[in-house]
Amino acid sequence: MPTGEAGRLAELTDLQALQAPLEPTLTAVAQLAASICRTPIALVNLIGEHLQHLKGQIGLDMVVMDRDIAFCPYVICGRELMQVPDTRTDPRFHTDPLVAGDLGIRFYAGVPIISSRGHALGTVAVMDRRPRRLSPPQQAALSALSTCVSALIEQRHYSRQAEQVTRRLQQMDDLKQLFLRNVNHELRTPLTSIRSYLHLIHDEDGLDPATQHRFLEVIERNSDRLLEKLDELLLLASLSAQSVAFAPQSADLVTVAESAVNEAQTKAWHKHHSLTVCAPDPVPAWIDATRLHHALVHLLDNAIKFTPDGGRITVTVSADPVPSVAIHDTGIGIPDDQAERVFDDFYRTPQAETQAIGGIGVGLSIVKKIIDLHGGTVSLTYTPDEGTCVYVRLPAPLAQAAPDFPQ
């Protein structure tokens, strides 16, 4: 094992070098090495924890082999060019499968691939079936090729990172446009309604009290809708800036879940949903009950909106292995490729757009930020024909923080 093995393996992981398939560029390096050194076999070999990964090769029909086999692991330990002029006379290798087996390797020369962090990630190596030595120019060329391989591996890593950043920036720009469009609709619609009804009250003489009362109810309802949207945006801003008040204390998770269900019952009733709670005895938790209640109401609101009329929504509270809440609905579901993005700020699924389901895409983002405040996790799974389940898992409460609930 070379010194700094943990750091070497960590860098290979960071570069994602072992996960990449056999590359034409690295195969071209192997071809050039074989041509310069006049050998039938050449390879670009990255050495992982247990396996050697032949990322570029000429003359071998392998993709991986055990780390214990043959020559390259010695090169990354020595960190300099290693030549074995005649493998049969070298006690390290004369019984190795590549030497004693059908391949009959008699000559090996390899140079370590040294990264910019100073780790030997692998080798550029050549092999022959007859004893021999490389000339000084051939040795220099092999060393130069190993330097090129190191640069290629790192360049590919940085290129991949740049692509990810570019893709993320494009996603953010798309989200910004979607947010502006949704906010324009969600805020302008109630404002237009309020303005219209105010004009009617102002311009129409002799409106009877019942009509005036009905108009005022519409104005009040739209005002509440407008304030709700603005409150959500302000809360999201506070959560993102980590300036929101957060005061966790001992509480019963079942009580918080039941409170959220009670608040959502009216919306569920209008869509003819069954909304039930399955809970054991009190579940001790260390939470900000107000914030968590808000998050669960958002999750229930989503389940109600995305479940066709007459659906079923079940809220299950559990204490094993940690305090958790699962909200399962029989709705339209979210495909796996969108399951992570739904927690991004302002993201709305294509289903929400095509079905004109209201919202500005902040609900699940607020949920995630509230659960993050608690040190918990929130995840989502979808099973075709069964619906969606959202899991909220909270840290187990400290023994001294656990509330003493009556049994």
Protein backbone atom coordinates (compact mmCIF):
# COMPACT_ATOMS: atom_id res chain seq x y z
CA MET A 1 0.00 0.00 0.00
CA PRO A 2 1.32 3.47 -0.83
CA THR A 3 1.54 6.13 1.85
CA GLY A 4 -1.55 8.32 2.04
CA GLU A 5 -3.78 5.55 0.68
CA ALA A 6 -6.96 7.04 2.19
CA GLY A 7 -6.31 10.39 0.52
CA ARG A 8 -5.47 8.69 -2.79
CA LEU A 9 -8.74 6.75 -2.79
CA ALA A 10 -10.65 9.87 -1.75
CA GLU A 11 -9.25 11.76 -4.74
CA LEU A 12 -10.21 8.96 -7.13
CA THR A 13 -13.73 9.22 -5.71
CA ASP A 14 -13.78 13.02 -6.00
CA LEU A 15 -12.66 12.82 -9.62
CA GLN A 16 -15.18 10.02 -10.31
CA ALA A 17 -12.34 8.47 -12.31
CA LEU A 18 -13.19 4.84 -11.62
CA GLN A 19 -16.86 5.20 -12.61
CA ALA A 20 -16.09 6.41 -16.14
CA PRO A 21 -16.30 3.83 -18.94
CA LEU A 22 -13.35 2.80 -21.15
CA GLU A 23 -12.40 6.08 -22.82
CA PRO A 24 -11.29 6.53 -26.45
CA THR A 25 -8.85 9.25 -25.33
CA LEU A 26 -7.13 6.98 -22.82
CA THR A 27 -7.14 4.11 -25.32
CA ALA A 28 -5.36 6.47 -27.73
CA VAL A 29 -2.75 7.13 -25.03
CA ALA A 30 -2.24 3.37 -24.71
CA GLN A 31 -1.87 3.07 -28.50
CA LEU A 32 0.73 5.83 -28.49
CA ALA A 33 2.64 4.20 -25.62
CA ALA A 34 2.67 0.85 -27.46
CA SER A 35 3.88 2.53 -30.66
CA ILE A 36 6.67 4.51 -28.99
CA CYS A 37 7.88 1.61 -26.85
CA ARG A 38 7.31 -1.00 -29.59
CA THR A 39 5.34 -3.36 -27.36
CA PRO A 40 2.24 -5.42 -28.16
CA ILE A 41 0.57 -4.49 -24.87
CA ALA A 42 0.00 -1.06 -23.28
CA LEU A 43 -2.51 0.24 -20.79
CA VAL A 44 -3.71 3.18 -18.75
CA ASN A 45 -4.54 1.66 -15.38
CA LEU A 46 -6.27 3.35 -12.41
CA ILE A 47 -5.92 1.47 -9.13
CA GLY A 48 -8.87 1.42 -6.73
CA GLU A 49 -9.20 -0.07 -3.28
CA HIS A 50 -9.61 -3.67 -4.45
CA LEU A 51 -9.45 -3.59 -8.25
CA GLN A 52 -7.30 -2.30 -11.09
CA HIS A 53 -9.38 -0.45 -13.69
CA LEU A 54 -7.95 -0.64 -17.21
CA LYS A 55 -9.35 2.60 -18.66
CA GLY A 56 -7.28 2.49 -21.82
CA GLN A 57 -5.65 -0.63 -23.26
CA ILE A 58 -4.07 -2.29 -26.25
CA GLY A 59 -3.37 -6.03 -26.39
CA LEU A 60 -5.38 -7.06 -23.31
CA ASP A 61 -9.00 -8.20 -23.21
CA MET A 62 -9.78 -7.04 -19.67
CA VAL A 63 -11.66 -4.19 -18.01
CA VAL A 64 -10.72 -4.87 -14.37
CA MET A 65 -8.49 -7.25 -12.46
CA ASP A 66 -7.61 -7.85 -8.81
CA ARG A 67 -5.35 -5.29 -7.22
CA ASP A 68 -3.03 -8.05 -6.00
CA ILE A 69 -2.13 -9.12 -9.52
CA ALA A 70 1.09 -8.12 -11.25
CA PHE A 71 3.09 -4.97 -11.49
CA CYS A 72 1.15 -1.69 -11.35
CA PRO A 73 0.49 -1.64 -7.57
CA TYR A 74 4.27 -1.65 -7.05
CA VAL A 75 4.60 1.42 -9.30
CA ILE A 76 2.18 3.56 -7.29
CA CYS A 77 4.11 2.67 -4.13
CA GLY A 78 7.50 3.52 -5.67
CA ARG A 79 6.14 6.69 -7.40
CA GLU A 80 8.72 6.41 -10.20
CA LEU A 81 9.30 4.47 -13.40
CA MET A 82 9.69 0.75 -12.75
CA GLN A 83 11.17 -1.68 -15.30
CA VAL A 84 11.19 -5.45 -15.00
CA PRO A 85 13.49 -6.59 -17.83
CA ASP A 86 12.79 -10.31 -17.30
CA THR A 87 9.82 -11.24 -15.12
CA ARG A 88 10.95 -14.86 -14.79
CA THR A 89 14.03 -13.82 -12.85
CA ASP A 90 12.22 -11.38 -10.53
CA PRO A 91 11.05 -13.13 -7.31
CA ARG A 92 8.15 -10.66 -6.97
CA PHE A 93 6.54 -11.68 -10.24
CA HIS A 94 7.73 -15.06 -11.54
CA THR A 95 4.60 -16.82 -10.18
CA ASP A 96 2.16 -14.03 -11.04
CA PRO A 97 -0.79 -15.11 -13.25
CA LEU A 98 0.23 -12.65 -15.99
CA VAL A 99 3.71 -14.18 -16.06
CA ALA A 100 3.06 -17.87 -15.39
CA GLY A 101 -0.29 -17.97 -17.23
CA ASP A 102 -1.26 -17.94 -20.88
CA LEU A 103 -0.29 -14.30 -21.44
CA GLY A 104 3.35 -15.11 -20.70
CA ILE A 105 4.42 -11.56 -19.86
CA ARG A 106 8.23 -11.33 -19.80
CA PHE A 107 8.78 -7.55 -19.74
CA TYR A 108 7.03 -4.69 -17.91
CA ALA A 109 7.62 -0.93 -17.63
CA GLY A 110 5.26 1.47 -15.89
CA VAL A 111 5.16 5.12 -14.82
CA PRO A 112 2.84 6.45 -12.06
CA ILE A 113 0.05 8.88 -12.90
CA ILE A 114 0.64 11.64 -10.34
CA SER A 115 -2.28 14.03 -9.73
CA SER A 116 -1.99 17.74 -8.98
CA ARG A 117 -2.65 16.82 -5.33
CA GLY A 118 0.39 14.53 -5.37
CA HIS A 119 -1.37 11.16 -5.30
CA ALA A 120 -0.39 8.24 -7.54
CA LEU A 121 -3.74 7.35 -9.09
CA GLY A 122 -2.53 4.62 -11.42
CA THR A 123 -0.04 3.91 -14.17
CA VAL A 124 0.76 4.16 -17.85
CA ALA A 125 2.44 0.85 -18.60
CA VAL A 126 3.74 -1.28 -21.45
CA MET A 127 4.36 -5.06 -21.55
CA ASP A 128 5.97 -7.53 -23.89
CA ARG A 129 6.25 -11.30 -24.21
CA ARG A 130 10.05 -11.23 -24.48
CA PRO A 131 12.70 -9.81 -22.11
CA ARG A 132 13.97 -6.32 -22.98
CA ARG A 133 14.58 -2.76 -21.75
CA LEU A 134 13.28 0.68 -22.72
CA SER A 135 15.68 3.25 -24.12
CA PRO A 136 16.00 6.59 -22.28
CA PRO A 137 13.85 8.41 -24.92
CA GLN A 138 11.16 5.75 -24.55
CA GLN A 139 11.24 6.10 -20.76
CA ALA A 140 10.89 9.89 -21.10
CA ALA A 141 7.97 9.49 -23.50
CA LEU A 142 6.18 7.12 -21.10
CA SER A 143 6.61 9.66 -18.28
CA ALA A 144 5.25 12.43 -20.50
CA LEU A 145 2.21 10.33 -21.36
CA SER A 146 1.48 9.73 -17.67
CA THR A 147 1.50 13.50 -17.09
CA CYS A 148 -0.96 13.92 -19.96
CA VAL A 149 -3.25 11.26 -18.50
CA SER A 150 -3.31 13.04 -15.13
CA ALA A 151 -4.26 16.29 -16.88
CA LEU A 152 -6.95 14.51 -18.95
CA ILE A 153 -8.56 12.93 -15.88
CA GLU A 154 -8.65 16.22 -14.00
CA GLN A 155 -9.82 18.18 -17.07
CA ARG A 156 -12.69 15.76 -17.56
CA HIS A 157 -13.64 16.19 -13.89
CA TYR A 158 -13.65 19.98 -14.12
CA SER A 159 -15.51 19.84 -17.43
CA ARG A 160 -18.18 17.68 -15.81
CA GLN A 161 -18.41 20.15 -12.92
CA ALA A 162 -18.77 23.04 -15.37
CA GLU A 163 -21.56 21.20 -17.18
CA GLN A 164 -23.34 20.65 -13.88
CA VAL A 165 -23.02 24.34 -12.98
CA THR A 166 -24.27 25.38 -16.42
CA ARG A 167 -27.19 22.98 -16.16
CA ARG A 168 -28.00 24.24 -12.66
CA LEU A 169 -27.85 27.86 -13.79
CA GLN A 170 -30.23 27.04 -16.63
CA GLN A 171 -32.57 25.33 -14.17
CA MET A 172 -32.43 28.37 -11.91
CA ASP A 173 -33.23 30.66 -14.82
CA ASP A 174 -36.14 28.43 -15.80
CA LEU A 175 -37.35 28.49 -12.19
CA LYS A 176 -37.09 32.28 -12.12
CA GLN A 177 -39.23 32.60 -15.24
CA LEU A 178 -41.72 30.07 -13.86
CA PHE A 179 -41.81 31.90 -10.52
CA LEU A 180 -42.46 35.26 -12.16
CA ARG A 181 -45.23 33.78 -14.27
CA ASN A 182 -46.85 32.00 -11.32
CA VAL A 183 -46.53 34.95 -8.95
CA ASN A 184 -47.99 37.24 -11.58
CA HIS A 185 -50.98 34.92 -11.89
CA GLU A 186 -51.38 34.04 -8.20
CA LEU A 187 -51.15 37.67 -7.02
CA ARG A 188 -52.80 39.43 -9.94
CA THR A 189 -55.89 37.20 -9.93
CA PRO A 190 -57.07 38.05 -6.38
CA LEU A 191 -56.08 41.71 -6.85
CA THR A 192 -58.12 41.90 -10.06
CA SER A 193 -61.08 40.31 -8.29
CA ILE A 194 -60.83 42.73 -5.35
CA ARG A 195 -60.56 45.70 -7.70
CA SER A 196 -63.56 44.57 -9.77
CA TYR A 197 -65.84 44.07 -6.78
CA LEU A 198 -64.79 47.37 -5.26
CA HIS A 199 -65.73 49.09 -8.52
CA LEU A 200 -69.10 47.36 -8.49
CA ILE A 201 -69.80 48.49 -4.93
CA HIS A 202 -68.66 52.01 -5.75
CA ASP A 203 -70.42 52.40 -9.11
CA GLU A 204 -73.67 50.55 -8.52
CA ASP A 205 -76.22 52.62 -6.65
CA GLY A 206 -78.87 50.98 -4.60
CA LEU A 207 -77.19 47.61 -4.07
CA ASP A 208 -79.24 45.63 -1.61
CA PRO A 209 -77.50 44.63 1.65
CA ALA A 210 -77.37 40.93 0.73
CA THR A 211 -75.55 41.67 -2.55
CA GLN A 212 -73.17 44.04 -0.82
CA HIS A 213 -72.46 41.40 1.82
CA ARG A 214 -71.79 38.80 -0.86
CA PHE A 215 -69.41 41.16 -2.69
CA LEU A 216 -67.56 41.94 0.53
CA GLU A 217 -67.19 38.22 1.25
CA VAL A 218 -65.52 37.76 -2.15
CA ILE A 219 -63.20 40.71 -1.43
CA GLU A 220 -62.32 39.29 1.99
CA ARG A 221 -61.70 35.82 0.59
CA ASN A 222 -59.36 37.16 -2.10
CA SER A 223 -57.61 39.40 0.42
CA ASP A 224 -56.95 36.38 2.61
CA ARG A 225 -55.63 34.47 -0.41
CA LEU A 226 -53.33 37.36 -1.27
CA LEU A 227 -52.04 37.68 2.29
CA GLU A 228 -51.46 33.91 2.46
CA LYS A 229 -49.26 34.02 -0.66
CA LEU A 230 -47.29 36.99 0.64
CA ASP A 231 -46.83 35.31 4.04
CA GLU A 232 -45.49 32.21 2.30
CA LEU A 233 -42.97 34.24 0.33
CA LEU A 234 -41.83 36.07 3.47
CA LEU A 235 -41.51 32.80 5.38
CA LEU A 236 -39.47 31.26 2.57
CA ALA A 237 -37.17 34.30 2.59
CA SER A 238 -36.72 34.06 6.38
CA LEU A 239 -36.04 30.32 6.24
CA SER A 240 -33.52 30.78 3.42
CA ALA A 241 -31.77 33.54 5.38
CA GLN A 242 -31.90 31.37 8.54
CA SER A 243 -33.44 34.32 10.39
CA VAL A 244 -36.76 32.67 11.26
CA ALA A 245 -37.65 32.14 14.91
CA PHE A 246 -37.15 28.53 15.96
CA ALA A 247 -37.91 27.33 19.49
CA PRO A 248 -37.93 23.52 19.84
CA GLN A 249 -39.18 21.92 23.02
CA SER A 250 -40.67 18.69 24.32
CA ALA A 251 -43.90 17.89 22.49
CA ASP A 252 -46.11 15.03 21.34
CA LEU A 253 -45.74 14.40 17.61
CA VAL A 254 -49.16 12.73 17.50
CA THR A 255 -50.84 15.87 18.83
CA VAL A 256 -49.11 18.03 16.19
CA ALA A 257 -50.09 15.63 13.39
CA GLU A 258 -53.72 15.48 14.55
CA SER A 259 -53.84 19.29 14.72
CA ALA A 260 -52.61 19.51 11.11
CA VAL A 261 -55.17 16.93 9.99
CA ASN A 262 -57.97 18.82 11.71
CA GLU A 263 -56.98 21.99 9.86
CA ALA A 264 -56.94 20.16 6.54
CA GLN A 265 -60.26 18.37 7.03
CA THR A 266 -62.38 21.08 5.39
CA LYS A 267 -60.34 21.05 2.16
CA ALA A 268 -60.41 17.24 2.12
CA TRP A 269 -64.19 17.22 2.67
CA HIS A 270 -64.75 19.50 -0.35
CA LYS A 271 -62.99 16.92 -2.55
CA HIS A 272 -64.72 13.96 -0.86
CA HIS A 273 -61.40 12.56 0.43
CA SER A 274 -61.09 10.27 3.43
CA LEU A 275 -58.43 11.73 5.73
CA THR A 276 -57.38 9.55 8.65
CA VAL A 277 -54.66 9.39 11.30
CA CYS A 278 -52.97 6.18 12.41
CA ALA A 279 -50.96 6.76 15.58
CA PRO A 280 -49.81 4.80 18.63
CA ASP A 281 -49.56 6.24 22.11
CA PRO A 282 -47.94 9.68 22.33
CA VAL A 283 -44.67 9.96 20.40
CA PRO A 284 -42.14 12.09 22.28
CA ALA A 285 -40.27 14.55 20.08
CA TRP A 286 -38.07 17.61 20.44
CA ILE A 287 -39.71 20.03 17.99
CA ASP A 288 -41.00 23.50 17.34
CA ALA A 289 -44.65 22.45 17.27
CA THR A 290 -45.82 25.58 15.42
CA ARG A 291 -43.25 25.25 12.65
CA LEU A 292 -43.78 21.51 12.28
CA HIS A 293 -47.56 21.99 12.23
CA HIS A 294 -47.06 24.44 9.36
CA ALA A 295 -44.94 21.92 7.44
CA LEU A 296 -47.46 19.09 7.90
CA VAL A 297 -50.33 21.35 6.78
CA HIS A 298 -48.38 22.08 3.59
CA LEU A 299 -47.85 18.37 2.95
CA LEU A 300 -51.53 17.62 3.53
CA ASP A 301 -52.53 20.52 1.28
CA ASN A 302 -50.35 19.04 -1.48
CA ALA A 303 -51.82 15.58 -0.98
CA ILE A 304 -55.35 17.00 -1.21
CA LYS A 305 -54.62 19.10 -4.31
CA PHE A 306 -52.94 16.28 -6.25
CA THR A 307 -55.41 13.54 -5.33
CA PRO A 308 -58.50 13.19 -7.56
CA ASP A 309 -61.90 13.51 -5.89
CA GLY A 310 -62.85 10.63 -3.64
CA GLY A 311 -59.25 9.72 -2.83
CA ARG A 312 -57.71 8.44 0.37
CA ILE A 313 -55.08 10.18 2.51
CA THR A 314 -53.55 8.43 5.52
CA VAL A 315 -51.26 10.04 8.09
CA THR A 316 -49.17 7.56 10.08
CA VAL A 317 -47.16 8.62 13.14
CA SER A 318 -44.45 6.31 14.44
CA ALA A 319 -41.78 6.32 17.15
CA ASP A 320 -39.71 3.43 15.79
CA PRO A 321 -36.84 3.77 15.04
CA VAL A 322 -37.16 7.58 15.24
CA PRO A 323 -40.14 9.96 15.52
CA SER A 324 -41.66 10.12 12.04
CA VAL A 325 -44.75 11.05 10.07
CA ALA A 326 -45.74 9.37 6.78
CA ILE A 327 -48.42 10.94 4.58
CA HIS A 328 -49.71 8.53 1.97
CA ASP A 329 -52.18 9.59 -0.73
CA THR A 330 -53.77 7.97 -3.77
CA GLY A 331 -52.95 10.92 -6.00
CA ILE A 332 -51.36 11.35 -9.41
CA GLY A 333 -47.84 10.91 -8.05
CA ILE A 334 -44.45 12.38 -8.91
CA PRO A 335 -42.03 10.56 -11.24
CA ASP A 336 -38.65 9.55 -9.77
CA ASP A 337 -36.75 12.08 -11.90
CA GLN A 338 -38.69 14.92 -10.23
CA ALA A 339 -38.71 13.58 -6.66
CA GLU A 340 -35.66 15.61 -5.62
CA ARG A 341 -36.48 18.79 -7.54
CA VAL A 342 -39.91 19.22 -5.96
CA PHE A 343 -38.16 20.52 -2.82
CA ASP A 344 -36.41 23.32 -4.78
CA ASP A 345 -37.61 26.89 -4.35
CA PHE A 346 -40.42 27.75 -6.80
CA TYR A 347 -40.29 24.41 -8.63
CA ARG A 348 -43.61 23.14 -9.97
CA THR A 349 -44.04 19.77 -11.62
CA PRO A 350 -45.20 19.53 -15.23
CA GLN A 351 -48.37 17.84 -13.89
CA ALA A 352 -49.17 20.92 -11.81
CA GLU A 353 -48.67 23.14 -14.84
CA THR A 354 -50.69 21.08 -17.31
CA GLN A 355 -53.53 20.52 -14.85
CA ALA A 356 -53.52 24.19 -13.79
CA ILE A 357 -53.19 23.32 -10.10
CA GLY A 358 -52.68 26.54 -8.18
CA GLY A 359 -49.55 27.50 -6.29
CA ILE A 360 -46.25 29.33 -6.63
CA GLY A 361 -43.97 26.38 -5.90
CA VAL A 362 -42.86 27.24 -2.38
CA GLY A 363 -44.80 24.74 -0.25
CA LEU A 364 -42.44 21.77 -0.39
CA SER A 365 -39.42 24.06 -0.24
CA ILE A 366 -40.75 25.53 3.02
CA VAL A 367 -41.40 22.00 4.31
CA LYS A 368 -37.82 20.91 3.63
CA LYS A 369 -36.33 23.99 5.25
CA ILE A 370 -38.48 23.52 8.37
CA ILE A 371 -37.50 19.84 8.64
CA ASP A 372 -33.86 20.80 8.09
CA LEU A 373 -34.16 23.20 11.02
CA HIS A 374 -35.16 20.22 13.16
CA GLY A 375 -32.19 18.19 11.93
CA GLY A 376 -34.57 15.76 10.23
CA THR A 377 -35.13 14.55 6.67
CA VAL A 378 -38.05 14.59 4.26
CA SER A 379 -38.29 12.25 1.27
CA LEU A 380 -40.86 11.22 -1.28
CA THR A 381 -41.66 7.93 -3.02
CA TYR A 382 -44.19 7.16 -5.72
CA THR A 383 -45.64 3.75 -6.55
CA PRO A 384 -47.76 3.50 -9.73
CA ASP A 385 -51.43 2.73 -9.02
CA GLU A 386 -50.83 3.25 -5.29
CA GLY A 387 -49.90 6.91 -5.00
CA THR A 388 -47.32 9.02 -3.22
CA CYS A 389 -45.88 8.75 0.28
CA VAL A 390 -43.96 11.58 1.94
CA TYR A 391 -41.78 10.58 4.90
CA VAL A 392 -40.75 13.07 7.58
CA ARG A 393 -38.14 11.68 9.95
CA LEU A 394 -37.00 13.57 13.02
CA PRO A 395 -34.00 12.94 15.30
CA ALA A 396 -34.66 10.79 18.34
CA PRO A 397 -35.20 13.09 21.35
CA LEU A 398 -32.58 13.24 24.06
CA ALA A 399 -33.56 11.34 27.16
CA GLN A 400 -33.60 14.49 29.25
CA ALA A 401 -35.65 16.34 26.62
CA ALA A 402 -38.34 13.67 26.23
CA PRO A 403 -41.70 14.88 27.53
CA ASP A 404 -43.46 12.98 30.31
CA PHE A 405 -46.78 12.18 28.68
CA PRO A 406 -49.60 10.50 30.59
CA GLN A 407 -50.21 6.92 29.48
